[in-house]
Amino acid sequence: MIEGADAQADTALLDKAATAQPRAALALEAELGEKLALKGSVTPIGRALPAGLELEVLLLEDGIATRIERGENAGRTLDEASVVLEAKKALTLSRETEGRTSFEMTLPVPGGAKRTKLHVAAVLREARTWRVVQALDVALVASDTR
């Protein structure tokens, strides 16, 4: 249940989002080695995707604990999830696109990252407004070799 000053409007927006038809399909393959090697694609669903959309790929880590040293929360520990370690633009649609657009890229993996806690997200968004068109989050399977 949503509470607050405009709960009815918020509920209506959530209902609308939950029933919205996707505009694109995202596919992503990842291989975790010294670097994160990625292959993927963006495919329109139903109608062409407009020029100017950007696909950004993020390397994320869960389970990070940060000890607060100062301020009103001094002495507490902040447990964080989905902390962005690396982010890179994978592609920009330079023209209206009716077919699949593929990409390949690598992201560095920071030395202190807990490899078993990593995942990768891809976000297709409008460049000017950052309005998200489609998103995908994929867990990485890795042995803890570091």
C-alpha atoms as a PDB file:
ATOM      1  CA  MET A   1       0.000   0.000   0.000  1.00  0.00           C
ATOM      2  CA  ILE A   2       1.272   3.448  -0.898  1.00  0.00           C
ATOM      3  CA  GLU A   3       0.770   6.234   1.603  1.00  0.00           C
ATOM      4  CA  GLY A   4       1.494   9.932   1.404  1.00  0.00           C
ATOM      5  CA  ALA A   5       0.220  13.211   0.055  1.00  0.00           C
ATOM      6  CA  ASP A   6      -0.459  11.943  -3.442  1.00  0.00           C
ATOM      7  CA  ALA A   7      -0.795   8.187  -2.912  1.00  0.00           C
ATOM      8  CA  GLN A   8      -3.589   7.826  -5.469  1.00  0.00           C
ATOM      9  CA  ALA A   9      -1.520   9.442  -8.234  1.00  0.00           C
ATOM     10  CA  ASP A  10       1.550   7.400  -7.259  1.00  0.00           C
ATOM     11  CA  THR A  11      -0.470   4.179  -7.370  1.00  0.00           C
ATOM     12  CA  ALA A  12      -1.855   5.099 -10.786  1.00  0.00           C
ATOM     13  CA  LEU A  13       1.678   5.720 -12.124  1.00  0.00           C
ATOM     14  CA  LEU A  14       2.882   2.371 -10.771  1.00  0.00           C
ATOM     15  CA  ASP A  15      -0.112   0.576 -12.278  1.00  0.00           C
ATOM     16  CA  LYS A  16       0.564   2.228 -15.637  1.00  0.00           C
ATOM     17  CA  ALA A  17       4.255   1.262 -15.522  1.00  0.00           C
ATOM     18  CA  ALA A  18       3.446  -2.332 -14.578  1.00  0.00           C
ATOM     19  CA  THR A  19       1.196  -2.787 -17.603  1.00  0.00           C
ATOM     20  CA  ALA A  20       3.342  -0.896 -20.136  1.00  0.00           C
ATOM     21  CA  GLN A  21       4.538  -2.878 -23.112  1.00  0.00           C
ATOM     22  CA  PRO A  22       8.333  -2.950 -23.542  1.00  0.00           C
ATOM     23  CA  ARG A  23       9.729  -0.975 -26.479  1.00  0.00           C
ATOM     24  CA  ALA A  24      12.977  -2.904 -26.725  1.00  0.00           C
ATOM     25  CA  ALA A  25      14.550  -6.249 -25.891  1.00  0.00           C
ATOM     26  CA  LEU A  26      18.023  -6.227 -24.382  1.00  0.00           C
ATOM     27  CA  ALA A  27      20.356  -9.222 -24.589  1.00  0.00           C
ATOM     28  CA  LEU A  28      23.629  -9.420 -22.698  1.00  0.00           C
ATOM     29  CA  GLU A  29      26.411 -12.004 -22.430  1.00  0.00           C
ATOM     30  CA  ALA A  30      29.221 -11.449 -19.952  1.00  0.00           C
ATOM     31  CA  GLU A  31      32.518 -13.212 -19.311  1.00  0.00           C
ATOM     32  CA  LEU A  32      34.327 -12.309 -16.109  1.00  0.00           C
ATOM     33  CA  GLY A  33      38.103 -12.558 -16.324  1.00  0.00           C
ATOM     34  CA  GLU A  34      40.738  -9.942 -15.585  1.00  0.00           C
ATOM     35  CA  LYS A  35      38.283  -7.608 -17.323  1.00  0.00           C
ATOM     36  CA  LEU A  36      34.564  -7.972 -17.902  1.00  0.00           C
ATOM     37  CA  ALA A  37      33.984  -8.840 -21.579  1.00  0.00           C
ATOM     38  CA  LEU A  38      30.473  -8.034 -22.785  1.00  0.00           C
ATOM     39  CA  LYS A  39      28.475  -8.775 -25.920  1.00  0.00           C
ATOM     40  CA  GLY A  40      24.919  -7.669 -26.333  1.00  0.00           C
ATOM     41  CA  SER A  41      22.168  -6.284 -28.480  1.00  0.00           C
ATOM     42  CA  VAL A  42      19.181  -3.963 -28.540  1.00  0.00           C
ATOM     43  CA  THR A  43      16.151  -5.027 -30.580  1.00  0.00           C
ATOM     44  CA  PRO A  44      12.995  -2.954 -31.080  1.00  0.00           C
ATOM     45  CA  ILE A  45       9.672  -4.505 -30.081  1.00  0.00           C
ATOM     46  CA  GLY A  46       6.638  -3.500 -32.102  1.00  0.00           C
ATOM     47  CA  ARG A  47       7.995  -0.329 -33.642  1.00  0.00           C
ATOM     48  CA  ALA A  48      11.313   1.285 -34.533  1.00  0.00           C
ATOM     49  CA  LEU A  49      13.484   2.793 -31.829  1.00  0.00           C
ATOM     50  CA  PRO A  50      14.177   6.505 -32.292  1.00  0.00           C
ATOM     51  CA  ALA A  51      17.600   7.952 -32.996  1.00  0.00           C
ATOM     52  CA  GLY A  52      19.496   9.248 -29.999  1.00  0.00           C
ATOM     53  CA  LEU A  53      18.839   6.436 -27.528  1.00  0.00           C
ATOM     54  CA  GLU A  54      21.917   5.446 -25.512  1.00  0.00           C
ATOM     55  CA  LEU A  55      22.794   2.125 -23.953  1.00  0.00           C
ATOM     56  CA  GLU A  56      24.923   2.362 -20.829  1.00  0.00           C
ATOM     57  CA  VAL A  57      26.453  -0.674 -19.135  1.00  0.00           C
ATOM     58  CA  LEU A  58      27.321  -0.675 -15.438  1.00  0.00           C
ATOM     59  CA  LEU A  59      29.431  -3.022 -13.334  1.00  0.00           C
ATOM     60  CA  LEU A  60      27.868  -3.242  -9.871  1.00  0.00           C
ATOM     61  CA  GLU A  61      28.858  -4.811  -6.560  1.00  0.00           C
ATOM     62  CA  ASP A  62      26.625  -5.905  -3.689  1.00  0.00           C
ATOM     63  CA  GLY A  63      27.560  -6.410  -0.064  1.00  0.00           C
ATOM     64  CA  ILE A  64      29.810  -3.392   0.453  1.00  0.00           C
ATOM     65  CA  ALA A  65      30.048  -2.170   4.047  1.00  0.00           C
ATOM     66  CA  THR A  66      31.204   1.385   4.757  1.00  0.00           C
ATOM     67  CA  ARG A  67      32.010   2.452   8.310  1.00  0.00           C
ATOM     68  CA  ILE A  68      30.868   6.011   9.028  1.00  0.00           C
ATOM     69  CA  GLU A  69      33.632   7.919  10.815  1.00  0.00           C
ATOM     70  CA  ARG A  70      32.071  11.361  11.377  1.00  0.00           C
ATOM     71  CA  GLY A  71      28.788  13.165  11.810  1.00  0.00           C
ATOM     72  CA  GLU A  72      25.573  12.091  13.454  1.00  0.00           C
ATOM     73  CA  ASN A  73      25.973   8.521  12.158  1.00  0.00           C
ATOM     74  CA  ALA A  74      29.580   8.128  13.348  1.00  0.00           C
ATOM     75  CA  GLY A  75      30.327   4.585  14.419  1.00  0.00           C
ATOM     76  CA  ARG A  76      27.587   3.035  12.300  1.00  0.00           C
ATOM     77  CA  THR A  77      28.114   0.803   9.294  1.00  0.00           C
ATOM     78  CA  LEU A  78      26.339   1.460   6.014  1.00  0.00           C
ATOM     79  CA  ASP A  79      25.449  -1.749   4.126  1.00  0.00           C
ATOM     80  CA  GLU A  80      25.289  -0.982   0.425  1.00  0.00           C
ATOM     81  CA  ALA A  81      23.938  -2.852  -2.600  1.00  0.00           C
ATOM     82  CA  SER A  82      24.356  -2.242  -6.331  1.00  0.00           C
ATOM     83  CA  VAL A  83      27.286   0.143  -5.925  1.00  0.00           C
ATOM     84  CA  VAL A  84      28.483   1.292  -9.357  1.00  0.00           C
ATOM     85  CA  LEU A  85      32.146   0.342  -9.834  1.00  0.00           C
ATOM     86  CA  GLU A  86      32.380   1.149 -13.554  1.00  0.00           C
ATOM     87  CA  ALA A  87      30.035   2.645 -16.147  1.00  0.00           C
ATOM     88  CA  LYS A  88      30.475   3.046 -19.882  1.00  0.00           C
ATOM     89  CA  LYS A  89      28.308   3.958 -22.846  1.00  0.00           C
ATOM     90  CA  ALA A  90      28.033   0.889 -25.086  1.00  0.00           C
ATOM     91  CA  LEU A  91      26.265   2.505 -28.021  1.00  0.00           C
ATOM     92  CA  THR A  92      24.178   5.405 -29.281  1.00  0.00           C
ATOM     93  CA  LEU A  93      21.520   4.868 -31.929  1.00  0.00           C
ATOM     94  CA  SER A  94      22.542   7.368 -34.610  1.00  0.00           C
ATOM     95  CA  ARG A  95      19.347   6.845 -36.605  1.00  0.00           C
ATOM     96  CA  GLU A  96      15.911   5.316 -36.204  1.00  0.00           C
ATOM     97  CA  THR A  97      16.406   1.573 -35.866  1.00  0.00           C
ATOM     98  CA  GLU A  98      14.031  -1.224 -36.876  1.00  0.00           C
ATOM     99  CA  GLY A  99      16.442  -4.148 -36.486  1.00  0.00           C
ATOM    100  CA  ARG A 100      18.845  -5.506 -33.920  1.00  0.00           C
ATOM    101  CA  THR A 101      21.902  -3.415 -33.028  1.00  0.00           C
ATOM    102  CA  SER A 102      24.819  -5.302 -31.469  1.00  0.00           C
ATOM    103  CA  PHE A 103      27.790  -4.194 -29.391  1.00  0.00           C
ATOM    104  CA  GLU A 104      30.957  -5.583 -27.788  1.00  0.00           C
ATOM    105  CA  MET A 105      32.951  -3.913 -25.040  1.00  0.00           C
ATOM    106  CA  THR A 106      35.067  -4.477 -21.951  1.00  0.00           C
ATOM    107  CA  LEU A 107      34.938  -2.942 -18.506  1.00  0.00           C
ATOM    108  CA  PRO A 108      37.808  -2.988 -16.021  1.00  0.00           C
ATOM    109  CA  VAL A 109      37.242  -4.974 -12.820  1.00  0.00           C
ATOM    110  CA  PRO A 110      38.699  -3.130  -9.817  1.00  0.00           C
ATOM    111  CA  GLY A 111      41.265  -5.178  -7.907  1.00  0.00           C
ATOM    112  CA  GLY A 112      39.422  -5.040  -4.593  1.00  0.00           C
ATOM    113  CA  ALA A 113      36.053  -6.114  -5.999  1.00  0.00           C
ATOM    114  CA  LYS A 114      34.427  -9.210  -4.505  1.00  0.00           C
ATOM    115  CA  ARG A 115      33.964 -11.228  -7.688  1.00  0.00           C
ATOM    116  CA  THR A 116      31.112 -13.339  -6.280  1.00  0.00           C
ATOM    117  CA  LYS A 117      29.139 -10.157  -5.491  1.00  0.00           C
ATOM    118  CA  LEU A 118      29.343  -8.582  -8.957  1.00  0.00           C
ATOM    119  CA  HIS A 119      26.516  -8.070 -11.421  1.00  0.00           C
ATOM    120  CA  VAL A 120      26.085  -6.048 -14.575  1.00  0.00           C
ATOM    121  CA  ALA A 121      23.223  -3.799 -15.661  1.00  0.00           C
ATOM    122  CA  ALA A 122      22.360  -2.401 -19.072  1.00  0.00           C
ATOM    123  CA  VAL A 123      20.149   0.681 -19.334  1.00  0.00           C
ATOM    124  CA  LEU A 124      18.652   1.917 -22.601  1.00  0.00           C
ATOM    125  CA  ARG A 125      17.659   5.533 -22.121  1.00  0.00           C
ATOM    126  CA  GLU A 126      16.899   8.791 -23.867  1.00  0.00           C
ATOM    127  CA  ALA A 127      20.082  10.857 -24.001  1.00  0.00           C
ATOM    128  CA  ARG A 128      18.545  14.248 -23.189  1.00  0.00           C
ATOM    129  CA  THR A 129      16.016  13.303 -20.518  1.00  0.00           C
ATOM    130  CA  TRP A 130      17.578  10.083 -19.169  1.00  0.00           C
ATOM    131  CA  ARG A 131      14.103   8.518 -19.366  1.00  0.00           C
ATOM    132  CA  VAL A 132      14.630   4.759 -19.206  1.00  0.00           C
ATOM    133  CA  VAL A 133      13.243   2.773 -22.139  1.00  0.00           C
ATOM    134  CA  GLN A 134      14.417  -0.660 -20.962  1.00  0.00           C
ATOM    135  CA  ALA A 135      16.811  -2.084 -18.379  1.00  0.00           C
ATOM    136  CA  LEU A 136      18.404  -5.434 -17.615  1.00  0.00           C
ATOM    137  CA  ASP A 137      20.361  -6.672 -14.576  1.00  0.00           C
ATOM    138  CA  VAL A 138      22.411  -9.879 -14.840  1.00  0.00           C
ATOM    139  CA  ALA A 139      24.220 -11.722 -12.054  1.00  0.00           C
ATOM    140  CA  LEU A 140      27.759 -12.811 -12.826  1.00  0.00           C
ATOM    141  CA  VAL A 141      28.826 -16.311 -11.897  1.00  0.00           C
ATOM    142  CA  ALA A 142      32.434 -16.404 -10.738  1.00  0.00           C
ATOM    143  CA  SER A 143      34.712 -18.184  -8.373  1.00  0.00           C
ATOM    144  CA  ASP A 144      36.271 -16.016  -5.702  1.00  0.00           C
ATOM    145  CA  THR A 145      39.823 -16.040  -7.040  1.00  0.00           C
ATOM    146  CA  ARG A 146      40.967 -12.851  -5.329  1.00  0.00           C
END
